[in-house]
Amino acid sequence: MKKYEVYFEIEGPNAMFSRPDTGASFVSYPAPTFSAAKGMFESIARVKSAYVKPTKVEICRPIQYEKYATNYGGPLRKANQLAQKASYQHMAMILTNVCYRIYGEILLCGKEPDGVNSRHALQEIFFRRLSKGQYWHTPCLGWKEFVPSYIGPFRKESKVETSINEVIPSMLVSPFDVDINGNPLPRYVQNVRIVNGVLRYDQ
């Protein structure tokens, strides 16, 4: 069966792909999680009968961390903070000056309309919207406030940082049990390897 692949490059001044094991003081993974990459693809193009399954990410900048503080004003604040309408300050360790090339394969996830190749259609729609800068919603680098400074086709000047080799002891795949229409049930994979700047989601 023919493969239908899509890919794009994304960069930005800040990124945050939260490690759940770091508690309230968030620390980022060095690269996007599977679910974060999937969300980036879906922010650009989507159809009902097919979806993009991320396959790998290439890291195109040295990994740099920086301390970051943000204020939380949601319902999970303590009772006294809610009463005083006070924000809760989160401290985090985020990534800075990031650039990634992200790849995915298009798979079927529903009944195809008669006479329609949904995977080919999604591929065509994706590359057309990417080239025109059209999105369903603004893509982000993890947290919503971390919007990219560039998202689009690969650029010649971007190169994979082949010096990056790292093992992530445990990495979140997705907060859901399956890729499409799942129930809340986090999935993890152990001993994820970044080899010569490349992280493969199917390892």
N, C-alpha and C. Protein backbone atom coordinates (compact mmCIF):
# COMPACT_ATOMS: atom_id res chain seq x y z
N MET A 1 0.84 -1.20 0.00
CA MET A 1 0.00 0.00 0.00
C MET A 1 0.88 1.25 0.00
N LYS A 2 0.52 2.21 -0.83
CA LYS A 2 1.30 3.44 -0.95
C LYS A 2 1.25 4.24 0.35
N LYS A 3 2.40 4.80 0.71
CA LYS A 3 2.46 5.67 1.88
C LYS A 3 2.19 7.11 1.47
N TYR A 4 1.47 7.81 2.32
CA TYR A 4 1.23 9.24 2.14
C TYR A 4 1.84 9.97 3.32
N GLU A 5 2.89 10.74 3.07
CA GLU A 5 3.63 11.38 4.15
C GLU A 5 3.50 12.90 4.05
N VAL A 6 3.57 13.55 5.20
CA VAL A 6 3.57 15.00 5.28
C VAL A 6 4.66 15.43 6.26
N TYR A 7 5.07 16.67 6.17
CA TYR A 7 6.16 17.15 7.02
C TYR A 7 6.18 18.68 6.97
N PHE A 8 6.79 19.26 7.98
CA PHE A 8 6.91 20.71 8.04
C PHE A 8 8.04 21.07 8.99
N GLU A 9 8.42 22.34 8.95
CA GLU A 9 9.44 22.87 9.85
C GLU A 9 8.79 23.91 10.74
N ILE A 10 9.20 23.94 12.00
CA ILE A 10 8.64 24.90 12.94
C ILE A 10 9.76 25.41 13.85
N GLU A 11 9.77 26.72 14.09
CA GLU A 11 10.74 27.30 15.01
C GLU A 11 10.06 28.36 15.86
N GLY A 12 10.68 28.68 16.99
CA GLY A 12 10.13 29.71 17.84
C GLY A 12 11.08 30.06 18.96
N PRO A 13 10.85 31.20 19.62
CA PRO A 13 11.73 31.62 20.71
C PRO A 13 11.59 30.77 21.96
N ASN A 14 10.40 30.16 22.17
CA ASN A 14 10.17 29.36 23.37
C ASN A 14 9.32 28.15 23.06
N ALA A 15 9.48 27.10 23.85
CA ALA A 15 8.66 25.89 23.70
C ALA A 15 8.57 25.20 25.05
N MET A 16 7.46 24.47 25.25
CA MET A 16 7.27 23.73 26.50
C MET A 16 6.48 22.47 26.23
N PHE A 17 7.14 21.32 26.34
CA PHE A 17 6.52 20.01 26.19
C PHE A 17 6.65 19.31 27.54
N SER A 18 5.66 19.52 28.39
CA SER A 18 5.77 19.22 29.82
C SER A 18 5.99 17.75 30.13
N ARG A 19 6.94 17.50 31.00
CA ARG A 19 7.15 16.16 31.56
C ARG A 19 6.25 16.00 32.78
N PRO A 20 5.29 15.06 32.75
CA PRO A 20 4.37 14.90 33.89
C PRO A 20 5.07 14.53 35.20
N ASP A 21 6.24 13.92 35.11
CA ASP A 21 6.94 13.49 36.33
C ASP A 21 7.66 14.62 37.04
N THR A 22 7.55 15.85 36.54
CA THR A 22 8.23 16.97 37.19
C THR A 22 7.31 17.77 38.10
N GLY A 23 6.06 17.33 38.27
CA GLY A 23 5.16 17.95 39.23
C GLY A 23 4.76 19.36 38.86
N ALA A 24 4.63 20.22 39.91
CA ALA A 24 4.14 21.59 39.71
C ALA A 24 5.19 22.51 39.09
N SER A 25 6.46 22.17 39.25
CA SER A 25 7.53 22.96 38.63
C SER A 25 7.90 22.29 37.32
N PHE A 26 7.21 22.66 36.26
CA PHE A 26 7.30 21.94 35.00
C PHE A 26 8.69 22.01 34.39
N VAL A 27 9.09 20.90 33.79
CA VAL A 27 10.33 20.83 32.99
C VAL A 27 9.95 20.26 31.64
N SER A 28 10.51 20.81 30.59
CA SER A 28 10.17 20.37 29.24
C SER A 28 11.01 19.18 28.79
N TYR A 29 10.39 18.32 27.99
CA TYR A 29 11.15 17.35 27.22
C TYR A 29 11.99 18.12 26.20
N PRO A 30 13.06 17.54 25.67
CA PRO A 30 13.88 18.26 24.69
C PRO A 30 13.26 18.37 23.30
N ALA A 31 12.19 17.62 23.06
CA ALA A 31 11.53 17.62 21.75
C ALA A 31 10.04 17.42 21.94
N PRO A 32 9.23 17.73 20.94
CA PRO A 32 7.78 17.55 21.08
C PRO A 32 7.40 16.11 21.35
N THR A 33 6.37 15.93 22.19
CA THR A 33 5.80 14.60 22.37
C THR A 33 5.01 14.21 21.12
N PHE A 34 4.64 12.95 21.04
CA PHE A 34 3.80 12.46 19.94
C PHE A 34 2.52 13.28 19.85
N SER A 35 1.85 13.49 20.98
CA SER A 35 0.57 14.21 20.97
C SER A 35 0.74 15.68 20.60
N ALA A 36 1.86 16.30 21.01
CA ALA A 36 2.11 17.69 20.63
C ALA A 36 2.32 17.80 19.13
N ALA A 37 3.09 16.87 18.57
CA ALA A 37 3.33 16.88 17.12
C ALA A 37 2.02 16.63 16.36
N LYS A 38 1.21 15.71 16.86
CA LYS A 38 -0.08 15.43 16.22
C LYS A 38 -0.97 16.67 16.23
N GLY A 39 -0.95 17.41 17.35
CA GLY A 39 -1.73 18.63 17.43
C GLY A 39 -1.27 19.68 16.44
N MET A 40 0.04 19.75 16.19
CA MET A 40 0.57 20.70 15.20
C MET A 40 0.06 20.36 13.81
N PHE A 41 0.09 19.06 13.45
CA PHE A 41 -0.44 18.66 12.14
C PHE A 41 -1.91 19.03 12.02
N GLU A 42 -2.69 18.75 13.07
CA GLU A 42 -4.12 18.99 13.03
C GLU A 42 -4.47 20.47 13.04
N SER A 43 -3.55 21.31 13.52
CA SER A 43 -3.81 22.75 13.49
C SER A 43 -3.76 23.29 12.05
N ILE A 44 -3.14 22.52 11.17
CA ILE A 44 -2.99 22.95 9.77
C ILE A 44 -4.10 22.37 8.89
N ALA A 45 -4.30 21.06 8.95
CA ALA A 45 -5.29 20.43 8.07
C ALA A 45 -5.87 19.19 8.72
N ARG A 46 -7.13 18.92 8.39
CA ARG A 46 -7.80 17.73 8.92
C ARG A 46 -8.97 17.34 8.02
N VAL A 47 -9.25 16.04 7.99
CA VAL A 47 -10.45 15.52 7.33
C VAL A 47 -11.03 14.44 8.25
N LYS A 48 -12.30 14.09 8.04
CA LYS A 48 -12.97 13.16 8.95
C LYS A 48 -12.47 11.73 8.85
N SER A 49 -12.06 11.32 7.66
CA SER A 49 -11.76 9.90 7.44
C SER A 49 -10.27 9.56 7.44
N ALA A 50 -9.40 10.52 7.78
CA ALA A 50 -7.95 10.25 7.83
C ALA A 50 -7.31 11.18 8.84
N TYR A 51 -6.12 10.78 9.31
CA TYR A 51 -5.39 11.62 10.26
C TYR A 51 -3.90 11.43 10.06
N VAL A 52 -3.12 12.35 10.62
CA VAL A 52 -1.66 12.26 10.52
C VAL A 52 -1.10 11.66 11.80
N LYS A 53 -0.35 10.58 11.64
CA LYS A 53 0.34 9.96 12.77
C LYS A 53 1.81 10.37 12.72
N PRO A 54 2.29 11.16 13.70
CA PRO A 54 3.69 11.58 13.69
C PRO A 54 4.63 10.38 13.72
N THR A 55 5.72 10.45 12.95
CA THR A 55 6.67 9.35 12.89
C THR A 55 8.04 9.71 13.47
N LYS A 56 8.48 10.95 13.24
CA LYS A 56 9.78 11.34 13.80
C LYS A 56 9.92 12.85 13.82
N VAL A 57 10.88 13.32 14.62
CA VAL A 57 11.20 14.74 14.68
C VAL A 57 12.71 14.89 14.61
N GLU A 58 13.15 15.85 13.83
CA GLU A 58 14.57 16.19 13.74
C GLU A 58 14.80 17.50 14.49
N ILE A 59 15.76 17.50 15.38
CA ILE A 59 16.08 18.68 16.18
C ILE A 59 17.13 19.49 15.42
N CYS A 60 16.79 20.74 15.11
CA CYS A 60 17.66 21.56 14.24
C CYS A 60 18.34 22.71 14.98
N ARG A 61 18.29 22.73 16.28
CA ARG A 61 19.01 23.71 17.08
C ARG A 61 19.55 23.03 18.33
N PRO A 62 20.63 23.53 18.92
CA PRO A 62 21.10 22.98 20.20
C PRO A 62 20.00 23.10 21.26
N ILE A 63 19.93 22.12 22.16
CA ILE A 63 18.93 22.14 23.22
C ILE A 63 19.35 23.13 24.30
N GLN A 64 18.49 24.13 24.54
CA GLN A 64 18.78 25.14 25.55
C GLN A 64 17.56 25.31 26.46
N TYR A 65 17.81 25.33 27.77
CA TYR A 65 16.74 25.50 28.76
C TYR A 65 16.85 26.87 29.41
N GLU A 66 15.71 27.36 29.90
CA GLU A 66 15.68 28.66 30.55
C GLU A 66 14.54 28.67 31.58
N LYS A 67 14.76 29.33 32.71
CA LYS A 67 13.71 29.45 33.73
C LYS A 67 12.62 30.39 33.23
N TYR A 68 11.37 30.05 33.60
CA TYR A 68 10.23 30.82 33.11
C TYR A 68 9.15 30.81 34.18
N ALA A 69 8.48 31.94 34.37
CA ALA A 69 7.39 32.03 35.34
C ALA A 69 6.12 32.47 34.63
N THR A 70 5.00 31.85 34.97
CA THR A 70 3.72 32.23 34.40
C THR A 70 2.66 32.21 35.49
N ASN A 71 1.64 33.03 35.36
CA ASN A 71 0.58 33.12 36.36
C ASN A 71 -0.63 32.31 35.93
N TYR A 72 -1.14 31.49 36.86
CA TYR A 72 -2.32 30.65 36.62
C TYR A 72 -3.51 31.24 37.35
N GLY A 73 -4.63 31.42 36.63
CA GLY A 73 -5.82 31.99 37.25
C GLY A 73 -7.04 31.10 37.12
N GLY A 74 -6.82 29.80 36.99
CA GLY A 74 -7.92 28.85 36.78
C GLY A 74 -8.53 28.30 38.04
N PRO A 75 -9.41 27.32 37.90
CA PRO A 75 -10.18 26.78 39.04
C PRO A 75 -9.40 25.88 39.98
N LEU A 76 -8.16 25.50 39.63
CA LEU A 76 -7.39 24.60 40.49
C LEU A 76 -6.54 25.33 41.53
N ARG A 77 -6.76 26.64 41.65
CA ARG A 77 -6.06 27.39 42.69
C ARG A 77 -6.58 27.01 44.08
N LYS A 78 -5.80 27.34 45.10
CA LYS A 78 -6.23 27.09 46.48
C LYS A 78 -7.42 27.97 46.81
N ALA A 79 -8.18 27.57 47.86
CA ALA A 79 -9.42 28.27 48.23
C ALA A 79 -9.16 29.74 48.54
N ASN A 80 -8.08 30.02 49.27
CA ASN A 80 -7.81 31.42 49.63
C ASN A 80 -7.42 32.24 48.40
N GLN A 81 -6.78 31.62 47.44
CA GLN A 81 -6.43 32.33 46.21
C GLN A 81 -7.67 32.63 45.38
N LEU A 82 -8.60 31.68 45.36
CA LEU A 82 -9.86 31.92 44.65
C LEU A 82 -10.64 33.05 45.31
N ALA A 83 -10.68 33.03 46.65
CA ALA A 83 -11.43 34.06 47.38
C ALA A 83 -10.84 35.45 47.15
N GLN A 84 -9.52 35.51 47.09
CA GLN A 84 -8.84 36.80 46.90
C GLN A 84 -8.65 37.15 45.43
N LYS A 85 -9.13 36.28 44.55
CA LYS A 85 -8.95 36.44 43.10
C LYS A 85 -7.48 36.65 42.76
N ALA A 86 -6.65 35.86 43.45
CA ALA A 86 -5.20 35.95 43.25
C ALA A 86 -4.73 34.83 42.32
N SER A 87 -3.73 35.12 41.53
CA SER A 87 -3.17 34.11 40.62
C SER A 87 -2.15 33.24 41.35
N TYR A 88 -1.95 32.05 40.80
CA TYR A 88 -0.92 31.16 41.32
C TYR A 88 0.25 31.19 40.34
N GLN A 89 1.44 31.41 40.86
CA GLN A 89 2.61 31.52 39.99
C GLN A 89 3.26 30.15 39.78
N HIS A 90 3.36 29.77 38.51
CA HIS A 90 4.02 28.52 38.13
C HIS A 90 5.45 28.83 37.69
N MET A 91 6.38 28.05 38.20
CA MET A 91 7.76 28.12 37.72
C MET A 91 7.99 26.95 36.76
N ALA A 92 8.73 27.20 35.71
CA ALA A 92 8.97 26.16 34.72
C ALA A 92 10.37 26.27 34.14
N MET A 93 10.82 25.17 33.55
CA MET A 93 12.07 25.13 32.82
C MET A 93 11.71 24.83 31.36
N ILE A 94 11.77 25.88 30.54
CA ILE A 94 11.31 25.77 29.16
C ILE A 94 12.50 25.66 28.19
N LEU A 95 12.19 25.39 26.93
CA LEU A 95 13.20 25.38 25.88
C LEU A 95 13.23 26.75 25.20
N THR A 96 14.39 27.16 24.75
CA THR A 96 14.50 28.43 24.03
C THR A 96 15.17 28.22 22.67
N ASN A 97 14.81 29.11 21.74
CA ASN A 97 15.41 29.12 20.40
C ASN A 97 15.35 27.73 19.76
N VAL A 98 14.13 27.23 19.59
CA VAL A 98 13.95 25.87 19.07
C VAL A 98 13.65 25.87 17.58
N CYS A 99 14.00 24.76 16.95
CA CYS A 99 13.65 24.54 15.55
C CYS A 99 13.56 23.03 15.33
N TYR A 100 12.44 22.59 14.76
CA TYR A 100 12.22 21.16 14.53
C TYR A 100 11.72 20.93 13.11
N ARG A 101 12.05 19.77 12.58
CA ARG A 101 11.41 19.26 11.37
C ARG A 101 10.61 18.04 11.80
N ILE A 102 9.31 18.07 11.54
CA ILE A 102 8.43 17.02 12.04
C ILE A 102 7.79 16.29 10.85
N TYR A 103 7.81 14.95 10.92
CA TYR A 103 7.31 14.10 9.84
C TYR A 103 6.12 13.28 10.34
N GLY A 104 5.22 12.96 9.43
CA GLY A 104 4.09 12.12 9.78
C GLY A 104 3.60 11.31 8.60
N GLU A 105 2.88 10.24 8.91
CA GLU A 105 2.26 9.39 7.90
C GLU A 105 0.74 9.50 8.03
N ILE A 106 0.05 9.60 6.89
CA ILE A 106 -1.40 9.72 6.90
C ILE A 106 -2.03 8.33 6.90
N LEU A 107 -2.93 8.11 7.87
CA LEU A 107 -3.63 6.84 8.01
C LEU A 107 -5.13 7.08 7.98
N LEU A 108 -5.88 6.03 7.64
CA LEU A 108 -7.34 6.13 7.65
C LEU A 108 -7.87 5.98 9.07
N CYS A 109 -8.98 6.67 9.34
CA CYS A 109 -9.59 6.55 10.67
C CYS A 109 -11.11 6.49 10.60
N GLY A 110 -11.65 6.31 9.41
CA GLY A 110 -13.09 6.24 9.25
C GLY A 110 -13.45 5.81 7.85
N LYS A 111 -14.74 5.78 7.59
CA LYS A 111 -15.22 5.35 6.27
C LYS A 111 -14.95 6.44 5.25
N GLU A 112 -14.30 6.05 4.15
CA GLU A 112 -14.00 7.01 3.10
C GLU A 112 -15.24 7.27 2.25
N PRO A 113 -15.46 8.52 1.85
CA PRO A 113 -16.53 8.79 0.88
C PRO A 113 -16.28 8.02 -0.41
N ASP A 114 -17.32 7.62 -1.09
CA ASP A 114 -17.18 6.86 -2.34
C ASP A 114 -16.32 7.62 -3.35
N GLY A 115 -15.35 6.91 -3.91
CA GLY A 115 -14.52 7.49 -4.95
C GLY A 115 -13.49 8.49 -4.48
N VAL A 116 -13.26 8.56 -3.16
CA VAL A 116 -12.32 9.54 -2.60
C VAL A 116 -11.16 8.82 -1.92
N ASN A 117 -9.94 9.21 -2.25
CA ASN A 117 -8.75 8.73 -1.56
C ASN A 117 -8.46 9.73 -0.44
N SER A 118 -8.93 9.42 0.77
CA SER A 118 -8.84 10.38 1.86
C SER A 118 -7.41 10.71 2.25
N ARG A 119 -6.51 9.72 2.15
CA ARG A 119 -5.12 9.98 2.52
C ARG A 119 -4.47 10.94 1.53
N HIS A 120 -4.72 10.72 0.26
CA HIS A 120 -4.18 11.63 -0.76
C HIS A 120 -4.79 13.02 -0.61
N ALA A 121 -6.09 13.06 -0.33
CA ALA A 121 -6.77 14.35 -0.18
C ALA A 121 -6.18 15.13 0.98
N LEU A 122 -5.97 14.46 2.12
CA LEU A 122 -5.41 15.16 3.28
C LEU A 122 -3.99 15.64 3.00
N GLN A 123 -3.21 14.83 2.29
CA GLN A 123 -1.86 15.24 1.94
C GLN A 123 -1.88 16.51 1.08
N GLU A 124 -2.74 16.54 0.07
CA GLU A 124 -2.85 17.71 -0.80
C GLU A 124 -3.31 18.94 -0.02
N ILE A 125 -4.32 18.76 0.81
CA ILE A 125 -4.84 19.88 1.60
C ILE A 125 -3.77 20.40 2.55
N PHE A 126 -3.04 19.47 3.18
CA PHE A 126 -2.02 19.87 4.15
C PHE A 126 -0.95 20.74 3.50
N PHE A 127 -0.36 20.27 2.41
CA PHE A 127 0.74 21.03 1.79
C PHE A 127 0.24 22.36 1.20
N ARG A 128 -0.99 22.37 0.71
CA ARG A 128 -1.53 23.62 0.17
C ARG A 128 -1.73 24.66 1.27
N ARG A 129 -2.31 24.22 2.38
CA ARG A 129 -2.55 25.15 3.49
C ARG A 129 -1.24 25.59 4.14
N LEU A 130 -0.29 24.67 4.25
CA LEU A 130 1.01 25.00 4.83
C LEU A 130 1.71 26.07 4.00
N SER A 131 1.68 25.92 2.68
CA SER A 131 2.38 26.88 1.81
C SER A 131 1.72 28.26 1.83
N LYS A 132 0.41 28.30 2.13
CA LYS A 132 -0.32 29.57 2.15
C LYS A 132 -0.41 30.18 3.56
N GLY A 133 0.08 29.45 4.57
CA GLY A 133 -0.03 29.95 5.94
C GLY A 133 -1.45 29.94 6.46
N GLN A 134 -2.24 28.93 6.06
CA GLN A 134 -3.62 28.81 6.50
C GLN A 134 -3.72 27.74 7.59
N TYR A 135 -4.45 28.04 8.68
CA TYR A 135 -4.53 27.12 9.82
C TYR A 135 -5.97 27.05 10.34
N TRP A 136 -6.31 25.90 10.93
CA TRP A 136 -7.57 25.80 11.65
C TRP A 136 -7.51 26.63 12.92
N HIS A 137 -6.39 26.56 13.58
CA HIS A 137 -6.12 27.43 14.73
C HIS A 137 -4.61 27.64 14.80
N THR A 138 -4.19 28.62 15.55
CA THR A 138 -2.77 28.97 15.60
C THR A 138 -1.94 27.82 16.15
N PRO A 139 -0.96 27.32 15.39
CA PRO A 139 -0.09 26.27 15.92
C PRO A 139 0.69 26.80 17.13
N CYS A 140 1.07 25.90 18.01
CA CYS A 140 1.86 26.32 19.18
C CYS A 140 2.93 25.29 19.48
N LEU A 141 3.94 25.73 20.20
CA LEU A 141 5.05 24.87 20.62
C LEU A 141 4.81 24.41 22.06
N GLY A 142 3.81 23.55 22.22
CA GLY A 142 3.45 23.05 23.54
C GLY A 142 2.40 23.92 24.18
N TRP A 143 2.81 24.87 25.01
CA TRP A 143 1.88 25.81 25.62
C TRP A 143 1.33 26.76 24.57
N LYS A 144 0.07 27.15 24.73
CA LYS A 144 -0.60 28.00 23.74
C LYS A 144 0.08 29.34 23.53
N GLU A 145 0.70 29.88 24.61
CA GLU A 145 1.34 31.20 24.47
C GLU A 145 2.64 31.14 23.67
N PHE A 146 3.17 29.94 23.44
CA PHE A 146 4.42 29.80 22.70
C PHE A 146 4.12 29.57 21.22
N VAL A 147 3.82 30.65 20.52
CA VAL A 147 3.50 30.56 19.10
C VAL A 147 4.80 30.57 18.29
N PRO A 148 4.82 29.92 17.16
CA PRO A 148 6.05 29.85 16.35
C PRO A 148 6.36 31.16 15.64
N SER A 149 7.63 31.39 15.41
CA SER A 149 8.05 32.52 14.57
C SER A 149 8.11 32.09 13.11
N TYR A 150 8.14 30.78 12.87
CA TYR A 150 8.08 30.24 11.51
C TYR A 150 7.44 28.87 11.56
N ILE A 151 6.53 28.62 10.64
CA ILE A 151 6.03 27.27 10.39
C ILE A 151 5.74 27.18 8.90
N GLY A 152 6.32 26.17 8.25
CA GLY A 152 6.15 26.08 6.81
C GLY A 152 7.01 24.97 6.23
N PRO A 153 7.26 25.02 4.93
CA PRO A 153 8.12 24.02 4.28
C PRO A 153 9.54 24.06 4.83
N PHE A 154 10.29 23.00 4.62
CA PHE A 154 11.69 22.95 5.04
C PHE A 154 12.47 24.09 4.40
N ARG A 155 13.40 24.65 5.18
CA ARG A 155 14.29 25.69 4.66
C ARG A 155 15.69 25.13 4.49
N LYS A 156 16.38 25.58 3.43
CA LYS A 156 17.70 25.04 3.12
C LYS A 156 18.71 25.29 4.24
N GLU A 157 18.57 26.42 4.93
CA GLU A 157 19.55 26.77 5.96
C GLU A 157 19.41 25.97 7.24
N SER A 158 18.30 25.26 7.42
CA SER A 158 18.08 24.48 8.64
C SER A 158 18.77 23.12 8.52
N LYS A 159 19.55 22.79 9.51
CA LYS A 159 20.29 21.53 9.52
C LYS A 159 20.04 20.78 10.82
N VAL A 160 20.04 19.47 10.74
CA VAL A 160 19.84 18.64 11.93
C VAL A 160 21.09 18.73 12.82
N GLU A 161 20.87 18.90 14.12
CA GLU A 161 21.98 18.93 15.09
C GLU A 161 22.39 17.49 15.41
N THR A 162 23.28 16.95 14.61
CA THR A 162 23.65 15.54 14.73
C THR A 162 24.45 15.23 15.99
N SER A 163 24.87 16.26 16.71
CA SER A 163 25.64 16.03 17.95
C SER A 163 24.74 15.66 19.12
N ILE A 164 23.43 15.78 18.96
CA ILE A 164 22.50 15.53 20.07
C ILE A 164 22.21 14.04 20.16
N ASN A 165 22.62 13.45 21.27
CA ASN A 165 22.35 12.04 21.57
C ASN A 165 21.93 11.97 23.04
N GLU A 166 20.73 11.46 23.28
CA GLU A 166 20.18 11.50 24.63
C GLU A 166 19.18 10.36 24.80
N VAL A 167 19.05 9.88 26.04
CA VAL A 167 18.03 8.88 26.36
C VAL A 167 17.06 9.50 27.34
N ILE A 168 15.77 9.48 27.01
CA ILE A 168 14.72 9.98 27.90
C ILE A 168 14.14 8.76 28.61
N PRO A 169 14.30 8.66 29.94
CA PRO A 169 13.88 7.44 30.66
C PRO A 169 12.41 7.08 30.47
N SER A 170 11.54 8.08 30.47
CA SER A 170 10.11 7.84 30.27
C SER A 170 9.51 9.06 29.58
N MET A 171 8.77 8.85 28.49
CA MET A 171 8.22 9.97 27.74
C MET A 171 6.74 9.74 27.50
N LEU A 172 5.95 10.78 27.73
CA LEU A 172 4.52 10.72 27.46
C LEU A 172 4.29 10.61 25.96
N VAL A 173 3.47 9.66 25.56
CA VAL A 173 3.08 9.53 24.16
C VAL A 173 1.84 10.38 23.93
N SER A 174 0.79 10.12 24.73
CA SER A 174 -0.47 10.83 24.57
C SER A 174 -1.26 10.72 25.87
N PRO A 175 -2.10 11.71 26.18
CA PRO A 175 -2.97 11.59 27.35
C PRO A 175 -4.18 10.71 27.10
N PHE A 176 -4.31 10.16 25.88
CA PHE A 176 -5.46 9.31 25.52
C PHE A 176 -5.00 7.89 25.19
N ASP A 177 -5.93 6.93 25.29
CA ASP A 177 -5.57 5.52 25.12
C ASP A 177 -5.35 5.12 23.67
N VAL A 178 -5.96 5.82 22.73
CA VAL A 178 -5.75 5.56 21.30
C VAL A 178 -5.56 6.89 20.59
N ASP A 179 -5.12 6.82 19.33
CA ASP A 179 -4.79 8.05 18.60
C ASP A 179 -6.01 8.89 18.24
N ILE A 180 -7.15 8.24 17.97
CA ILE A 180 -8.35 8.94 17.50
C ILE A 180 -9.54 8.60 18.40
N ASN A 181 -10.26 9.62 18.84
CA ASN A 181 -11.47 9.45 19.67
C ASN A 181 -11.21 8.58 20.89
N GLY A 182 -10.10 8.85 21.56
CA GLY A 182 -9.72 8.05 22.72
C GLY A 182 -10.32 8.54 24.01
N ASN A 183 -10.16 7.73 25.04
CA ASN A 183 -10.56 8.08 26.39
C ASN A 183 -9.32 8.51 27.18
N PRO A 184 -9.50 9.36 28.18
CA PRO A 184 -8.34 9.79 28.98
C PRO A 184 -7.64 8.61 29.66
N LEU A 185 -6.46 8.31 29.21
CA LEU A 185 -5.63 7.25 29.79
C LEU A 185 -4.22 7.44 29.24
N PRO A 186 -3.35 8.07 30.02
CA PRO A 186 -2.01 8.41 29.52
C PRO A 186 -1.23 7.18 29.06
N ARG A 187 -0.51 7.35 27.96
CA ARG A 187 0.38 6.31 27.44
C ARG A 187 1.81 6.81 27.48
N TYR A 188 2.72 5.96 27.93
CA TYR A 188 4.13 6.32 28.04
C TYR A 188 4.98 5.29 27.31
N VAL A 189 6.19 5.70 26.93
CA VAL A 189 7.17 4.76 26.39
C VAL A 189 8.49 5.02 27.12
N GLN A 190 9.21 3.94 27.39
CA GLN A 190 10.45 4.05 28.18
C GLN A 190 11.70 4.04 27.28
N ASN A 191 12.73 4.68 27.83
CA ASN A 191 14.05 4.70 27.20
C ASN A 191 13.99 5.16 25.74
N VAL A 192 13.41 6.34 25.56
CA VAL A 192 13.30 6.94 24.24
C VAL A 192 14.66 7.53 23.86
N ARG A 193 15.15 7.18 22.70
CA ARG A 193 16.48 7.61 22.28
C ARG A 193 16.43 8.72 21.22
N ILE A 194 17.20 9.75 21.48
CA ILE A 194 17.47 10.76 20.45
C ILE A 194 18.84 10.41 19.90
N VAL A 195 18.88 10.03 18.64
CA VAL A 195 20.12 9.56 18.02
C VAL A 195 20.50 10.51 16.88
N ASN A 196 21.66 11.13 17.03
CA ASN A 196 22.14 12.08 16.01
C ASN A 196 21.10 13.14 15.68
N GLY A 197 20.42 13.62 16.74
CA GLY A 197 19.45 14.69 16.58
C GLY A 197 18.08 14.27 16.12
N VAL A 198 17.81 12.95 16.03
CA VAL A 198 16.53 12.45 15.53
C VAL A 198 15.83 11.61 16.60
N LEU A 199 14.56 11.94 16.87
CA LEU A 199 13.72 11.16 17.78
C LEU A 199 12.63 10.51 16.95
N ARG A 200 12.55 9.18 17.02
CA ARG A 200 11.52 8.44 16.28
C ARG A 200 10.41 8.04 17.24
N TYR A 201 9.17 8.37 16.86
CA TYR A 201 8.05 8.08 17.75
C TYR A 201 7.64 6.61 17.75
N ASP A 202 8.09 5.85 16.75
CA ASP A 202 7.69 4.45 16.66
C ASP A 202 8.71 3.50 17.26
N GLN A 203 9.68 4.01 18.04
CA GLN A 203 10.70 3.10 18.58
C GLN A 203 10.15 2.29 19.74
